[in-house]
Amino acid sequence: MPYVFSTLTCDNRYVVYAETGADIKVPVEGILIKGGAGVMNDRLFTPLGVSTEVTKEQLALLEQNPIFRLHKENGYLVVQDKNADAEKVSSNMNSRDNSAPLTPSSYKGKRSKPEDLTVTTNGDEE
């Protein structure tokens, strides 16, 4: 069975839609790909990557989903035929999306003094 490895912070449900005669798309199936990379879990462990087992049919549907393809192209998702250690697989992937929690390393090298803060609101720096 194929496995999808993710370095996304949150779970993502990729929805498959059926075409109707009108301009309305009806949801047929949602495929959940686990997230949680960079977020501490209930065992106080912060995984660098997470794996989700999918069927071959689900993978074929996922490959048609534009958001799944976008996440894959941007390096947040990798598909492999067999299971592996998610930490090892994630070492070659994009490790941080914009929804990841901030850590002290997020601020290193961005300010001249640690006590200086920059606030950005609606694209305007204050």
PDB file of N, CA and C in Angstrom:
ATOM      1  N   MET A   1       0.833  -1.189   0.000  1.00  0.00           N
ATOM      2  CA  MET A   1       0.000   0.000   0.000  1.00  0.00           C
ATOM      3  C   MET A   1       0.876   1.251   0.000  1.00  0.00           C
ATOM      4  N   PRO A   2       0.438   2.288  -0.663  1.00  0.00           N
ATOM      5  CA  PRO A   2       1.205   3.542  -0.673  1.00  0.00           C
ATOM      6  C   PRO A   2       1.076   4.294   0.656  1.00  0.00           C
ATOM      7  N   TYR A   3       2.080   5.100   0.931  1.00  0.00           N
ATOM      8  CA  TYR A   3       2.097   5.951   2.122  1.00  0.00           C
ATOM      9  C   TYR A   3       2.343   7.387   1.688  1.00  0.00           C
ATOM     10  N   VAL A   4       1.631   8.310   2.321  1.00  0.00           N
ATOM     11  CA  VAL A   4       1.829   9.735   2.076  1.00  0.00           C
ATOM     12  C   VAL A   4       2.511  10.302   3.309  1.00  0.00           C
ATOM     13  N   PHE A   5       3.677  10.898   3.118  1.00  0.00           N
ATOM     14  CA  PHE A   5       4.432  11.516   4.208  1.00  0.00           C
ATOM     15  C   PHE A   5       4.201  13.014   4.141  1.00  0.00           C
ATOM     16  N   SER A   6       3.928  13.615   5.302  1.00  0.00           N
ATOM     17  CA  SER A   6       3.557  15.024   5.353  1.00  0.00           C
ATOM     18  C   SER A   6       4.406  15.781   6.363  1.00  0.00           C
ATOM     19  N   THR A   7       4.798  17.003   5.996  1.00  0.00           N
ATOM     20  CA  THR A   7       5.426  17.918   6.951  1.00  0.00           C
ATOM     21  C   THR A   7       4.517  19.122   7.184  1.00  0.00           C
ATOM     22  N   LEU A   8       3.234  18.969   6.879  1.00  0.00           N
ATOM     23  CA  LEU A   8       2.263  20.033   7.129  1.00  0.00           C
ATOM     24  C   LEU A   8       1.891  20.052   8.608  1.00  0.00           C
ATOM     25  N   THR A   9       1.576  21.220   9.120  1.00  0.00           N
ATOM     26  CA  THR A   9       1.252  21.377  10.529  1.00  0.00           C
ATOM     27  C   THR A   9      -0.105  20.774  10.876  1.00  0.00           C
ATOM     28  N   CYS A  10      -1.068  20.906  10.001  1.00  0.00           N
ATOM     29  CA  CYS A  10      -2.436  20.456  10.292  1.00  0.00           C
ATOM     30  C   CYS A  10      -2.835  19.294   9.390  1.00  0.00           C
ATOM     31  N   ASP A  11      -3.828  18.508   9.875  1.00  0.00           N
ATOM     32  CA  ASP A  11      -4.430  17.486   9.035  1.00  0.00           C
ATOM     33  C   ASP A  11      -5.084  18.173   7.838  1.00  0.00           C
ATOM     34  N   ASN A  12      -5.112  17.479   6.716  1.00  0.00           N
ATOM     35  CA  ASN A  12      -5.768  18.016   5.521  1.00  0.00           C
ATOM     36  C   ASN A  12      -6.692  16.960   4.943  1.00  0.00           C
ATOM     37  N   ARG A  13      -7.929  17.359   4.670  1.00  0.00           N
ATOM     38  CA  ARG A  13      -8.879  16.470   4.002  1.00  0.00           C
ATOM     39  C   ARG A  13      -8.996  16.950   2.558  1.00  0.00           C
ATOM     40  N   TYR A  14      -8.550  16.106   1.647  1.00  0.00           N
ATOM     41  CA  TYR A  14      -8.614  16.423   0.226  1.00  0.00           C
ATOM     42  C   TYR A  14      -9.920  15.832  -0.309  1.00  0.00           C
ATOM     43  N   VAL A  15     -10.795  16.689  -0.805  1.00  0.00           N
ATOM     44  CA  VAL A  15     -12.141  16.287  -1.200  1.00  0.00           C
ATOM     45  C   VAL A  15     -12.190  16.055  -2.706  1.00  0.00           C
ATOM     46  N   VAL A  16     -12.850  14.959  -3.079  1.00  0.00           N
ATOM     47  CA  VAL A  16     -13.074  14.622  -4.480  1.00  0.00           C
ATOM     48  C   VAL A  16     -14.513  15.009  -4.806  1.00  0.00           C
ATOM     49  N   TYR A  17     -14.698  15.737  -5.891  1.00  0.00           N
ATOM     50  CA  TYR A  17     -16.021  16.218  -6.275  1.00  0.00           C
ATOM     51  C   TYR A  17     -16.499  15.524  -7.540  1.00  0.00           C
ATOM     52  N   ALA A  18     -17.824  15.305  -7.619  1.00  0.00           N
ATOM     53  CA  ALA A  18     -18.445  14.757  -8.823  1.00  0.00           C
ATOM     54  C   ALA A  18     -19.077  15.901  -9.603  1.00  0.00           C
ATOM     55  N   GLU A  19     -18.955  15.829 -10.909  1.00  0.00           N
ATOM     56  CA  GLU A  19     -19.570  16.836 -11.775  1.00  0.00           C
ATOM     57  C   GLU A  19     -21.055  16.509 -11.922  1.00  0.00           C
ATOM     58  N   THR A  20     -21.871  17.539 -11.921  1.00  0.00           N
ATOM     59  CA  THR A  20     -23.297  17.366 -12.182  1.00  0.00           C
ATOM     60  C   THR A  20     -23.621  18.087 -13.480  1.00  0.00           C
ATOM     61  N   GLY A  21     -24.859  18.016 -13.892  1.00  0.00           N
ATOM     62  CA  GLY A  21     -25.255  18.680 -15.127  1.00  0.00           C
ATOM     63  C   GLY A  21     -25.150  20.188 -15.027  1.00  0.00           C
ATOM     64  N   ALA A  22     -25.346  20.726 -13.835  1.00  0.00           N
ATOM     65  CA  ALA A  22     -25.255  22.172 -13.639  1.00  0.00           C
ATOM     66  C   ALA A  22     -23.815  22.530 -13.270  1.00  0.00           C
ATOM     67  N   ASP A  23     -23.622  23.771 -12.855  1.00  0.00           N
ATOM     68  CA  ASP A  23     -22.288  24.212 -12.446  1.00  0.00           C
ATOM     69  C   ASP A  23     -22.013  23.893 -10.982  1.00  0.00           C
ATOM     70  N   ILE A  24     -22.686  22.908 -10.448  1.00  0.00           N
ATOM     71  CA  ILE A  24     -22.547  22.548  -9.036  1.00  0.00           C
ATOM     72  C   ILE A  24     -21.709  21.282  -8.933  1.00  0.00           C
ATOM     73  N   LYS A  25     -20.706  21.327  -8.060  1.00  0.00           N
ATOM     74  CA  LYS A  25     -19.898  20.140  -7.800  1.00  0.00           C
ATOM     75  C   LYS A  25     -20.349  19.550  -6.469  1.00  0.00           C
ATOM     76  N   VAL A  26     -20.533  18.242  -6.452  1.00  0.00           N
ATOM     77  CA  VAL A  26     -21.008  17.552  -5.259  1.00  0.00           C
ATOM     78  C   VAL A  26     -19.849  16.767  -4.654  1.00  0.00           C
ATOM     79  N   PRO A  27     -19.564  16.954  -3.347  1.00  0.00           N
ATOM     80  CA  PRO A  27     -18.487  16.180  -2.726  1.00  0.00           C
ATOM     81  C   PRO A  27     -18.841  14.698  -2.685  1.00  0.00           C
ATOM     82  N   VAL A  28     -17.892  13.871  -3.126  1.00  0.00           N
ATOM     83  CA  VAL A  28     -18.103  12.432  -3.164  1.00  0.00           C
ATOM     84  C   VAL A  28     -17.340  11.744  -2.041  1.00  0.00           C
ATOM     85  N   GLU A  29     -16.086  12.122  -1.878  1.00  0.00           N
ATOM     86  CA  GLU A  29     -15.232  11.461  -0.889  1.00  0.00           C
ATOM     87  C   GLU A  29     -14.186  12.453  -0.395  1.00  0.00           C
ATOM     88  N   GLY A  30     -13.837  12.324   0.881  1.00  0.00           N
ATOM     89  CA  GLY A  30     -12.760  13.116   1.465  1.00  0.00           C
ATOM     90  C   GLY A  30     -11.679  12.187   1.978  1.00  0.00           C
ATOM     91  N   ILE A  31     -10.451  12.443   1.617  1.00  0.00           N
ATOM     92  CA  ILE A  31      -9.331  11.597   2.032  1.00  0.00           C
ATOM     93  C   ILE A  31      -8.483  12.402   3.000  1.00  0.00           C
ATOM     94  N   LEU A  32      -8.361  11.905   4.225  1.00  0.00           N
ATOM     95  CA  LEU A  32      -7.640  12.610   5.279  1.00  0.00           C
ATOM     96  C   LEU A  32      -6.166  12.219   5.268  1.00  0.00           C
ATOM     97  N   ILE A  33      -5.301  13.218   5.158  1.00  0.00           N
ATOM     98  CA  ILE A  33      -3.858  13.026   5.278  1.00  0.00           C
ATOM     99  C   ILE A  33      -3.446  13.697   6.579  1.00  0.00           C
ATOM    100  N   LYS A  34      -2.844  12.925   7.457  1.00  0.00           N
ATOM    101  CA  LYS A  34      -2.473  13.424   8.779  1.00  0.00           C
ATOM    102  C   LYS A  34      -1.386  14.476   8.683  1.00  0.00           C
ATOM    103  N   GLY A  35      -1.501  15.469   9.540  1.00  0.00           N
ATOM    104  CA  GLY A  35      -0.485  16.490   9.713  1.00  0.00           C
ATOM    105  C   GLY A  35       0.028  16.412  11.143  1.00  0.00           C
ATOM    106  N   GLY A  36       0.596  17.473  11.618  1.00  0.00           N
ATOM    107  CA  GLY A  36       1.087  17.497  12.999  1.00  0.00           C
ATOM    108  C   GLY A  36       2.585  17.662  13.096  1.00  0.00           C
ATOM    109  N   ALA A  37       3.242  17.904  11.979  1.00  0.00           N
ATOM    110  CA  ALA A  37       4.690  18.114  12.006  1.00  0.00           C
ATOM    111  C   ALA A  37       4.986  19.444  12.685  1.00  0.00           C
ATOM    112  N   GLY A  38       5.913  19.428  13.611  1.00  0.00           N
ATOM    113  CA  GLY A  38       6.301  20.639  14.313  1.00  0.00           C
ATOM    114  C   GLY A  38       5.371  21.027  15.441  1.00  0.00           C
ATOM    115  N   VAL A  39       4.385  20.183  15.746  1.00  0.00           N
ATOM    116  CA  VAL A  39       3.433  20.459  16.819  1.00  0.00           C
ATOM    117  C   VAL A  39       3.577  19.372  17.880  1.00  0.00           C
ATOM    118  N   MET A  40       3.740  19.783  19.131  1.00  0.00           N
ATOM    119  CA  MET A  40       3.907  18.820  20.212  1.00  0.00           C
ATOM    120  C   MET A  40       2.624  17.999  20.376  1.00  0.00           C
ATOM    121  N   ASN A  41       2.782  16.676  20.517  1.00  0.00           N
ATOM    122  CA  ASN A  41       1.617  15.819  20.696  1.00  0.00           C
ATOM    123  C   ASN A  41       1.378  15.534  22.179  1.00  0.00           C
ATOM    124  N   ASP A  42       0.451  14.637  22.485  1.00  0.00           N
ATOM    125  CA  ASP A  42       0.089  14.357  23.871  1.00  0.00           C
ATOM    126  C   ASP A  42       1.194  13.650  24.655  1.00  0.00           C
ATOM    127  N   ARG A  43       2.208  13.155  23.986  1.00  0.00           N
ATOM    128  CA  ARG A  43       3.345  12.513  24.667  1.00  0.00           C
ATOM    129  C   ARG A  43       4.547  13.454  24.755  1.00  0.00           C
ATOM    130  N   LEU A  44       4.289  14.750  24.548  1.00  0.00           N
ATOM    131  CA  LEU A  44       5.319  15.794  24.614  1.00  0.00           C
ATOM    132  C   LEU A  44       6.435  15.563  23.601  1.00  0.00           C
ATOM    133  N   PHE A  45       6.073  15.018  22.460  1.00  0.00           N
ATOM    134  CA  PHE A  45       7.007  14.743  21.378  1.00  0.00           C
ATOM    135  C   PHE A  45       6.601  15.607  20.188  1.00  0.00           C
ATOM    136  N   THR A  46       7.573  16.195  19.522  1.00  0.00           N
ATOM    137  CA  THR A  46       7.305  17.037  18.357  1.00  0.00           C
ATOM    138  C   THR A  46       7.833  16.334  17.109  1.00  0.00           C
ATOM    139  N   PRO A  47       6.948  15.685  16.338  1.00  0.00           N
ATOM    140  CA  PRO A  47       7.417  14.966  15.148  1.00  0.00           C
ATOM    141  C   PRO A  47       7.821  15.920  14.030  1.00  0.00           C
ATOM    142  N   LEU A  48       8.809  15.517  13.256  1.00  0.00           N
ATOM    143  CA  LEU A  48       9.234  16.303  12.095  1.00  0.00           C
ATOM    144  C   LEU A  48       8.424  15.955  10.854  1.00  0.00           C
ATOM    145  N   GLY A  49       7.772  14.802  10.881  1.00  0.00           N
ATOM    146  CA  GLY A  49       6.953  14.365   9.760  1.00  0.00           C
ATOM    147  C   GLY A  49       5.980  13.301  10.217  1.00  0.00           C
ATOM    148  N   VAL A  50       4.925  13.091   9.434  1.00  0.00           N
ATOM    149  CA  VAL A  50       3.869  12.147   9.780  1.00  0.00           C
ATOM    150  C   VAL A  50       3.543  11.340   8.531  1.00  0.00           C
ATOM    151  N   SER A  51       3.197  10.054   8.709  1.00  0.00           N
ATOM    152  CA  SER A  51       2.830   9.234   7.553  1.00  0.00           C
ATOM    153  C   SER A  51       1.377   8.787   7.658  1.00  0.00           C
ATOM    154  N   THR A  52       0.739   8.643   6.495  1.00  0.00           N
ATOM    155  CA  THR A  52      -0.641   8.179   6.399  1.00  0.00           C
ATOM    156  C   THR A  52      -0.695   7.104   5.324  1.00  0.00           C
ATOM    157  N   GLU A  53      -1.273   5.956   5.663  1.00  0.00           N
ATOM    158  CA  GLU A  53      -1.433   4.883   4.689  1.00  0.00           C
ATOM    159  C   GLU A  53      -2.708   5.120   3.887  1.00  0.00           C
ATOM    160  N   VAL A  54      -2.614   5.005   2.575  1.00  0.00           N
ATOM    161  CA  VAL A  54      -3.774   5.169   1.698  1.00  0.00           C
ATOM    162  C   VAL A  54      -3.835   3.975   0.749  1.00  0.00           C
ATOM    163  N   THR A  55      -5.008   3.747   0.170  1.00  0.00           N
ATOM    164  CA  THR A  55      -5.133   2.691  -0.827  1.00  0.00           C
ATOM    165  C   THR A  55      -4.676   3.227  -2.185  1.00  0.00           C
ATOM    166  N   LYS A  56      -4.482   2.329  -3.128  1.00  0.00           N
ATOM    167  CA  LYS A  56      -4.084   2.754  -4.475  1.00  0.00           C
ATOM    168  C   LYS A  56      -5.189   3.575  -5.139  1.00  0.00           C
ATOM    169  N   GLU A  57      -6.448   3.219  -4.853  1.00  0.00           N
ATOM    170  CA  GLU A  57      -7.570   3.976  -5.406  1.00  0.00           C
ATOM    171  C   GLU A  57      -7.602   5.394  -4.829  1.00  0.00           C
ATOM    172  N   GLN A  58      -7.372   5.508  -3.512  1.00  0.00           N
ATOM    173  CA  GLN A  58      -7.339   6.829  -2.891  1.00  0.00           C
ATOM    174  C   GLN A  58      -6.184   7.662  -3.439  1.00  0.00           C
ATOM    175  N   LEU A  59      -5.032   7.032  -3.643  1.00  0.00           N
ATOM    176  CA  LEU A  59      -3.887   7.758  -4.187  1.00  0.00           C
ATOM    177  C   LEU A  59      -4.191   8.282  -5.588  1.00  0.00           C
ATOM    178  N   ALA A  60      -4.876   7.479  -6.399  1.00  0.00           N
ATOM    179  CA  ALA A  60      -5.242   7.933  -7.745  1.00  0.00           C
ATOM    180  C   ALA A  60      -6.160   9.151  -7.669  1.00  0.00           C
ATOM    181  N   LEU A  61      -7.084   9.155  -6.707  1.00  0.00           N
ATOM    182  CA  LEU A  61      -7.965  10.312  -6.527  1.00  0.00           C
ATOM    183  C   LEU A  61      -7.186  11.516  -6.007  1.00  0.00           C
ATOM    184  N   LEU A  62      -6.259  11.274  -5.084  1.00  0.00           N
ATOM    185  CA  LEU A  62      -5.449  12.368  -4.537  1.00  0.00           C
ATOM    186  C   LEU A  62      -4.624  13.041  -5.626  1.00  0.00           C
ATOM    187  N   GLU A  63      -4.063  12.243  -6.523  1.00  0.00           N
ATOM    188  CA  GLU A  63      -3.214  12.789  -7.585  1.00  0.00           C
ATOM    189  C   GLU A  63      -4.000  13.705  -8.527  1.00  0.00           C
ATOM    190  N   GLN A  64      -5.332  13.580  -8.546  1.00  0.00           N
ATOM    191  CA  GLN A  64      -6.160  14.450  -9.380  1.00  0.00           C
ATOM    192  C   GLN A  64      -6.553  15.734  -8.652  1.00  0.00           C
ATOM    193  N   ASN A  65      -6.348  15.783  -7.331  1.00  0.00           N
ATOM    194  CA  ASN A  65      -6.753  16.940  -6.538  1.00  0.00           C
ATOM    195  C   ASN A  65      -5.722  18.059  -6.685  1.00  0.00           C
ATOM    196  N   PRO A  66      -6.135  19.267  -7.095  1.00  0.00           N
ATOM    197  CA  PRO A  66      -5.170  20.349  -7.334  1.00  0.00           C
ATOM    198  C   PRO A  66      -4.439  20.808  -6.070  1.00  0.00           C
ATOM    199  N   ILE A  67      -5.092  20.779  -4.919  1.00  0.00           N
ATOM    200  CA  ILE A  67      -4.442  21.208  -3.677  1.00  0.00           C
ATOM    201  C   ILE A  67      -3.411  20.171  -3.241  1.00  0.00           C
ATOM    202  N   PHE A  68      -3.740  18.883  -3.386  1.00  0.00           N
ATOM    203  CA  PHE A  68      -2.778  17.827  -3.075  1.00  0.00           C
ATOM    204  C   PHE A  68      -1.544  17.975  -3.966  1.00  0.00           C
ATOM    205  N   ARG A  69      -1.765  18.206  -5.266  1.00  0.00           N
ATOM    206  CA  ARG A  69      -0.635  18.375  -6.188  1.00  0.00           C
ATOM    207  C   ARG A  69       0.206  19.592  -5.810  1.00  0.00           C
ATOM    208  N   LEU A  70      -0.439  20.676  -5.399  1.00  0.00           N
ATOM    209  CA  LEU A  70       0.275  21.884  -4.988  1.00  0.00           C
ATOM    210  C   LEU A  70       1.135  21.612  -3.752  1.00  0.00           C
ATOM    211  N   HIS A  71       0.569  20.939  -2.764  1.00  0.00           N
ATOM    212  CA  HIS A  71       1.336  20.597  -1.564  1.00  0.00           C
ATOM    213  C   HIS A  71       2.512  19.686  -1.908  1.00  0.00           C
ATOM    214  N   LYS A  72       2.286  18.773  -2.833  1.00  0.00           N
ATOM    215  CA  LYS A  72       3.354  17.851  -3.252  1.00  0.00           C
ATOM    216  C   LYS A  72       4.457  18.605  -4.002  1.00  0.00           C
ATOM    217  N   GLU A  73       4.087  19.501  -4.908  1.00  0.00           N
ATOM    218  CA  GLU A  73       5.069  20.283  -5.673  1.00  0.00           C
ATOM    219  C   GLU A  73       5.889  21.199  -4.771  1.00  0.00           C
ATOM    220  N   ASN A  74       5.265  21.704  -3.709  1.00  0.00           N
ATOM    221  CA  ASN A  74       5.960  22.602  -2.782  1.00  0.00           C
ATOM    222  C   ASN A  74       6.782  21.858  -1.737  1.00  0.00           C
ATOM    223  N   GLY A  75       6.803  20.536  -1.795  1.00  0.00           N
ATOM    224  CA  GLY A  75       7.674  19.755  -0.926  1.00  0.00           C
ATOM    225  C   GLY A  75       7.116  19.423   0.443  1.00  0.00           C
ATOM    226  N   TYR A  76       5.802  19.594   0.642  1.00  0.00           N
ATOM    227  CA  TYR A  76       5.197  19.265   1.930  1.00  0.00           C
ATOM    228  C   TYR A  76       4.684  17.829   1.981  1.00  0.00           C
ATOM    229  N   LEU A  77       4.496  17.198   0.832  1.00  0.00           N
ATOM    230  CA  LEU A  77       4.009  15.824   0.759  1.00  0.00           C
ATOM    231  C   LEU A  77       4.917  14.997  -0.137  1.00  0.00           C
ATOM    232  N   VAL A  78       5.131  13.749   0.263  1.00  0.00           N
ATOM    233  CA  VAL A  78       5.887  12.787  -0.541  1.00  0.00           C
ATOM    234  C   VAL A  78       5.123  11.469  -0.509  1.00  0.00           C
ATOM    235  N   VAL A  79       5.020  10.805  -1.655  1.00  0.00           N
ATOM    236  CA  VAL A  79       4.345   9.513  -1.740  1.00  0.00           C
ATOM    237  C   VAL A  79       5.397   8.440  -1.964  1.00  0.00           C
ATOM    238  N   GLN A  80       5.325   7.369  -1.157  1.00  0.00           N
ATOM    239  CA  GLN A  80       6.223   6.225  -1.318  1.00  0.00           C
ATOM    240  C   GLN A  80       5.399   4.946  -1.292  1.00  0.00           C
ATOM    241  N   ASP A  81       5.942   3.890  -1.939  1.00  0.00           N
ATOM    242  CA  ASP A  81       5.221   2.622  -2.015  1.00  0.00           C
ATOM    243  C   ASP A  81       5.261   1.818  -0.725  1.00  0.00           C
ATOM    244  N   LYS A  82       6.253   2.059   0.109  1.00  0.00           N
ATOM    245  CA  LYS A  82       6.320   1.299   1.360  1.00  0.00           C
ATOM    246  C   LYS A  82       6.561   2.231   2.532  1.00  0.00           C
ATOM    247  N   ASN A  83       6.214   1.736   3.709  1.00  0.00           N
ATOM    248  CA  ASN A  83       6.345   2.544   4.912  1.00  0.00           C
ATOM    249  C   ASN A  83       7.817   2.728   5.261  1.00  0.00           C
ATOM    250  N   ALA A  84       8.126   3.864   5.835  1.00  0.00           N
ATOM    251  CA  ALA A  84       9.484   4.184   6.274  1.00  0.00           C
ATOM    252  C   ALA A  84       9.362   5.079   7.493  1.00  0.00           C
ATOM    253  N   ASP A  85      10.478   5.368   8.110  1.00  0.00           N
ATOM    254  CA  ASP A  85      10.486   6.264   9.255  1.00  0.00           C
ATOM    255  C   ASP A  85      10.171   7.679   8.769  1.00  0.00           C
ATOM    256  N   ALA A  86       9.084   8.240   9.286  1.00  0.00           N
ATOM    257  CA  ALA A  86       8.648   9.570   8.838  1.00  0.00           C
ATOM    258  C   ALA A  86       9.699  10.634   9.116  1.00  0.00           C
ATOM    259  N   GLU A  87      10.468  10.471  10.185  1.00  0.00           N
ATOM    260  CA  GLU A  87      11.520  11.445  10.511  1.00  0.00           C
ATOM    261  C   GLU A  87      12.599  11.456   9.424  1.00  0.00           C
ATOM    262  N   LYS A  88      12.965  10.266   8.933  1.00  0.00           N
ATOM    263  CA  LYS A  88      14.003  10.184   7.899  1.00  0.00           C
ATOM    264  C   LYS A  88      13.494  10.736   6.570  1.00  0.00           C
ATOM    265  N   VAL A  89      12.270  10.389   6.211  1.00  0.00           N
ATOM    266  CA  VAL A  89      11.707  10.869   4.949  1.00  0.00           C
ATOM    267  C   VAL A  89      11.559  12.386   4.984  1.00  0.00           C
ATOM    268  N   SER A  90      11.135  12.920   6.119  1.00  0.00           N
ATOM    269  CA  SER A  90      10.894  14.365   6.218  1.00  0.00           C
ATOM    270  C   SER A  90      12.171  15.191   6.194  1.00  0.00           C
ATOM    271  N   SER A  91      13.316  14.550   6.396  1.00  0.00           N
ATOM    272  CA  SER A  91      14.572  15.307   6.389  1.00  0.00           C
ATOM    273  C   SER A  91      14.876  15.895   5.009  1.00  0.00           C
ATOM    274  N   ASN A  92      14.295  15.326   3.950  1.00  0.00           N
ATOM    275  CA  ASN A  92      14.506  15.831   2.590  1.00  0.00           C
ATOM    276  C   ASN A  92      13.331  16.665   2.083  1.00  0.00           C
ATOM    277  N   MET A  93      12.396  16.999   2.979  1.00  0.00           N
ATOM    278  CA  MET A  93      11.190  17.716   2.575  1.00  0.00           C
ATOM    279  C   MET A  93      11.209  19.148   3.101  1.00  0.00           C
ATOM    280  N   ASN A  94      10.286  19.960   2.598  1.00  0.00           N
ATOM    281  CA  ASN A  94      10.093  21.314   3.112  1.00  0.00           C
ATOM    282  C   ASN A  94       9.610  21.172   4.554  1.00  0.00           C
ATOM    283  N   SER A  95      10.321  21.759   5.497  1.00  0.00           N
ATOM    284  CA  SER A  95      10.074  21.446   6.902  1.00  0.00           C
ATOM    285  C   SER A  95       9.118  22.376   7.616  1.00  0.00           C
ATOM    286  N   ARG A  96       8.683  23.433   6.992  1.00  0.00           N
ATOM    287  CA  ARG A  96       7.873  24.398   7.739  1.00  0.00           C
ATOM    288  C   ARG A  96       6.873  25.087   6.816  1.00  0.00           C
ATOM    289  N   ASP A  97       5.594  25.004   7.185  1.00  0.00           N
ATOM    290  CA  ASP A  97       4.595  25.785   6.458  1.00  0.00           C
ATOM    291  C   ASP A  97       4.241  27.023   7.278  1.00  0.00           C
ATOM    292  N   ASN A  98       3.450  27.909   6.721  1.00  0.00           N
ATOM    293  CA  ASN A  98       3.158  29.180   7.389  1.00  0.00           C
ATOM    294  C   ASN A  98       2.293  29.042   8.633  1.00  0.00           C
ATOM    295  N   SER A  99       1.675  27.874   8.843  1.00  0.00           N
ATOM    296  CA  SER A  99       0.849  27.698  10.031  1.00  0.00           C
ATOM    297  C   SER A  99       1.605  27.023  11.171  1.00  0.00           C
ATOM    298  N   ALA A 100       2.885  26.759  10.982  1.00  0.00           N
ATOM    299  CA  ALA A 100       3.691  26.126  12.032  1.00  0.00           C
ATOM    300  C   ALA A 100       3.855  27.081  13.210  1.00  0.00           C
ATOM    301  N   PRO A 101       3.869  26.544  14.437  1.00  0.00           N
ATOM    302  CA  PRO A 101       4.060  27.405  15.602  1.00  0.00           C
ATOM    303  C   PRO A 101       5.426  28.090  15.576  1.00  0.00           C
ATOM    304  N   LEU A 102       5.478  29.296  16.113  1.00  0.00           N
ATOM    305  CA  LEU A 102       6.745  30.021  16.199  1.00  0.00           C
ATOM    306  C   LEU A 102       7.592  29.445  17.321  1.00  0.00           C
ATOM    307  N   THR A 103       8.878  29.378  17.086  1.00  0.00           N
ATOM    308  CA  THR A 103       9.836  28.905  18.080  1.00  0.00           C
ATOM    309  C   THR A 103      10.924  29.965  18.217  1.00  0.00           C
ATOM    310  N   PRO A 104      11.768  29.870  19.246  1.00  0.00           N
ATOM    311  CA  PRO A 104      12.860  30.844  19.360  1.00  0.00           C
ATOM    312  C   PRO A 104      13.747  30.902  18.117  1.00  0.00           C
ATOM    313  N   SER A 105      13.918  29.779  17.433  1.00  0.00           N
ATOM    314  CA  SER A 105      14.749  29.787  16.225  1.00  0.00           C
ATOM    315  C   SER A 105      14.078  30.557  15.082  1.00  0.00           C
ATOM    316  N   SER A 106      12.766  30.788  15.177  1.00  0.00           N
ATOM    317  CA  SER A 106      12.069  31.567  14.148  1.00  0.00           C
ATOM    318  C   SER A 106      12.548  33.006  14.123  1.00  0.00           C
ATOM    319  N   TYR A 107      13.077  33.486  15.246  1.00  0.00           N
ATOM    320  CA  TYR A 107      13.480  34.880  15.367  1.00  0.00           C
ATOM    321  C   TYR A 107      14.974  35.102  15.201  1.00  0.00           C
ATOM    322  N   LYS A 108      15.760  34.038  15.219  1.00  0.00           N
ATOM    323  CA  LYS A 108      17.214  34.196  15.139  1.00  0.00           C
ATOM    324  C   LYS A 108      17.610  34.834  13.819  1.00  0.00           C
ATOM    325  N   GLY A 109      18.508  35.798  13.902  1.00  0.00           N
ATOM    326  CA  GLY A 109      19.054  36.432  12.708  1.00  0.00           C
ATOM    327  C   GLY A 109      18.134  37.443  12.050  1.00  0.00           C
ATOM    328  N   LYS A 110      16.950  37.655  12.599  1.00  0.00           N
ATOM    329  CA  LYS A 110      16.014  38.596  11.991  1.00  0.00           C
ATOM    330  C   LYS A 110      16.000  39.948  12.693  1.00  0.00           C
ATOM    331  N   ARG A 111      16.581  40.014  13.894  1.00  0.00           N
ATOM    332  CA  ARG A 111      16.589  41.275  14.638  1.00  0.00           C
ATOM    333  C   ARG A 111      17.998  41.564  15.118  1.00  0.00           C
ATOM    334  N   SER A 112      18.303  42.845  15.247  1.00  0.00           N
ATOM    335  CA  SER A 112      19.628  43.216  15.741  1.00  0.00           C
ATOM    336  C   SER A 112      19.742  42.961  17.238  1.00  0.00           C
ATOM    337  N   LYS A 113      18.681  43.220  17.992  1.00  0.00           N
ATOM    338  CA  LYS A 113      18.661  42.955  19.432  1.00  0.00           C
ATOM    339  C   LYS A 113      17.470  42.052  19.742  1.00  0.00           C
ATOM    340  N   PRO A 114      17.660  41.052  20.599  1.00  0.00           N
ATOM    341  CA  PRO A 114      16.551  40.137  20.896  1.00  0.00           C
ATOM    342  C   PRO A 114      15.312  40.827  21.448  1.00  0.00           C
ATOM    343  N   GLU A 115      15.493  41.964  22.128  1.00  0.00           N
ATOM    344  CA  GLU A 115      14.328  42.631  22.718  1.00  0.00           C
ATOM    345  C   GLU A 115      13.555  43.488  21.715  1.00  0.00           C
ATOM    346  N   ASP A 116      14.114  43.694  20.516  1.00  0.00           N
ATOM    347  CA  ASP A 116      13.413  44.462  19.486  1.00  0.00           C
ATOM    348  C   ASP A 116      12.380  43.571  18.798  1.00  0.00           C
ATOM    349  N   LEU A 117      11.167  44.053  18.728  1.00  0.00           N
ATOM    350  CA  LEU A 117      10.107  43.317  18.052  1.00  0.00           C
ATOM    351  C   LEU A 117       9.602  44.124  16.875  1.00  0.00           C
ATOM    352  N   THR A 118       9.234  43.447  15.821  1.00  0.00           N
ATOM    353  CA  THR A 118       8.637  44.088  14.667  1.00  0.00           C
ATOM    354  C   THR A 118       7.239  43.521  14.502  1.00  0.00           C
ATOM    355  N   VAL A 119       6.255  44.392  14.422  1.00  0.00           N
ATOM    356  CA  VAL A 119       4.872  43.966  14.260  1.00  0.00           C
ATOM    357  C   VAL A 119       4.448  44.278  12.837  1.00  0.00           C
ATOM    358  N   THR A 120       3.889  43.278  12.160  1.00  0.00           N
ATOM    359  CA  THR A 120       3.400  43.474  10.806  1.00  0.00           C
ATOM    360  C   THR A 120       1.893  43.280  10.806  1.00  0.00           C
ATOM    361  N   THR A 121       1.164  44.300  10.360  1.00  0.00           N
ATOM    362  CA  THR A 121      -0.289  44.242  10.310  1.00  0.00           C
ATOM    363  C   THR A 121      -0.741  44.585   8.905  1.00  0.00           C
ATOM    364  N   ASN A 122      -1.439  43.663   8.279  1.00  0.00           N
ATOM    365  CA  ASN A 122      -1.942  43.875   6.914  1.00  0.00           C
ATOM    366  C   ASN A 122      -0.844  44.310   5.953  1.00  0.00           C
ATOM    367  N   GLY A 123       0.329  43.751   6.125  1.00  0.00           N
ATOM    368  CA  GLY A 123       1.437  44.043   5.230  1.00  0.00           C
ATOM    369  C   GLY A 123       2.191  45.315   5.545  1.00  0.00           C
ATOM    370  N   ASP A 124       1.756  46.084   6.557  1.00  0.00           N
ATOM    371  CA  ASP A 124       2.439  47.319   6.944  1.00  0.00           C
ATOM    372  C   ASP A 124       3.264  47.064   8.194  1.00  0.00           C
ATOM    373  N   GLU A 125       4.549  47.364   8.120  1.00  0.00           N
ATOM    374  CA  GLU A 125       5.431  47.153   9.262  1.00  0.00           C
ATOM    375  C   GLU A 125       5.359  48.350  10.191  1.00  0.00           C
ATOM    376  N   GLU A 126       5.228  48.092  11.504  1.00  0.00           N
ATOM    377  CA  GLU A 126       5.147  49.173  12.494  1.00  0.00           C
ATOM    378  C   GLU A 126       6.353  49.134  13.404  1.00  0.00           C
TER     379      GLU A 126
END
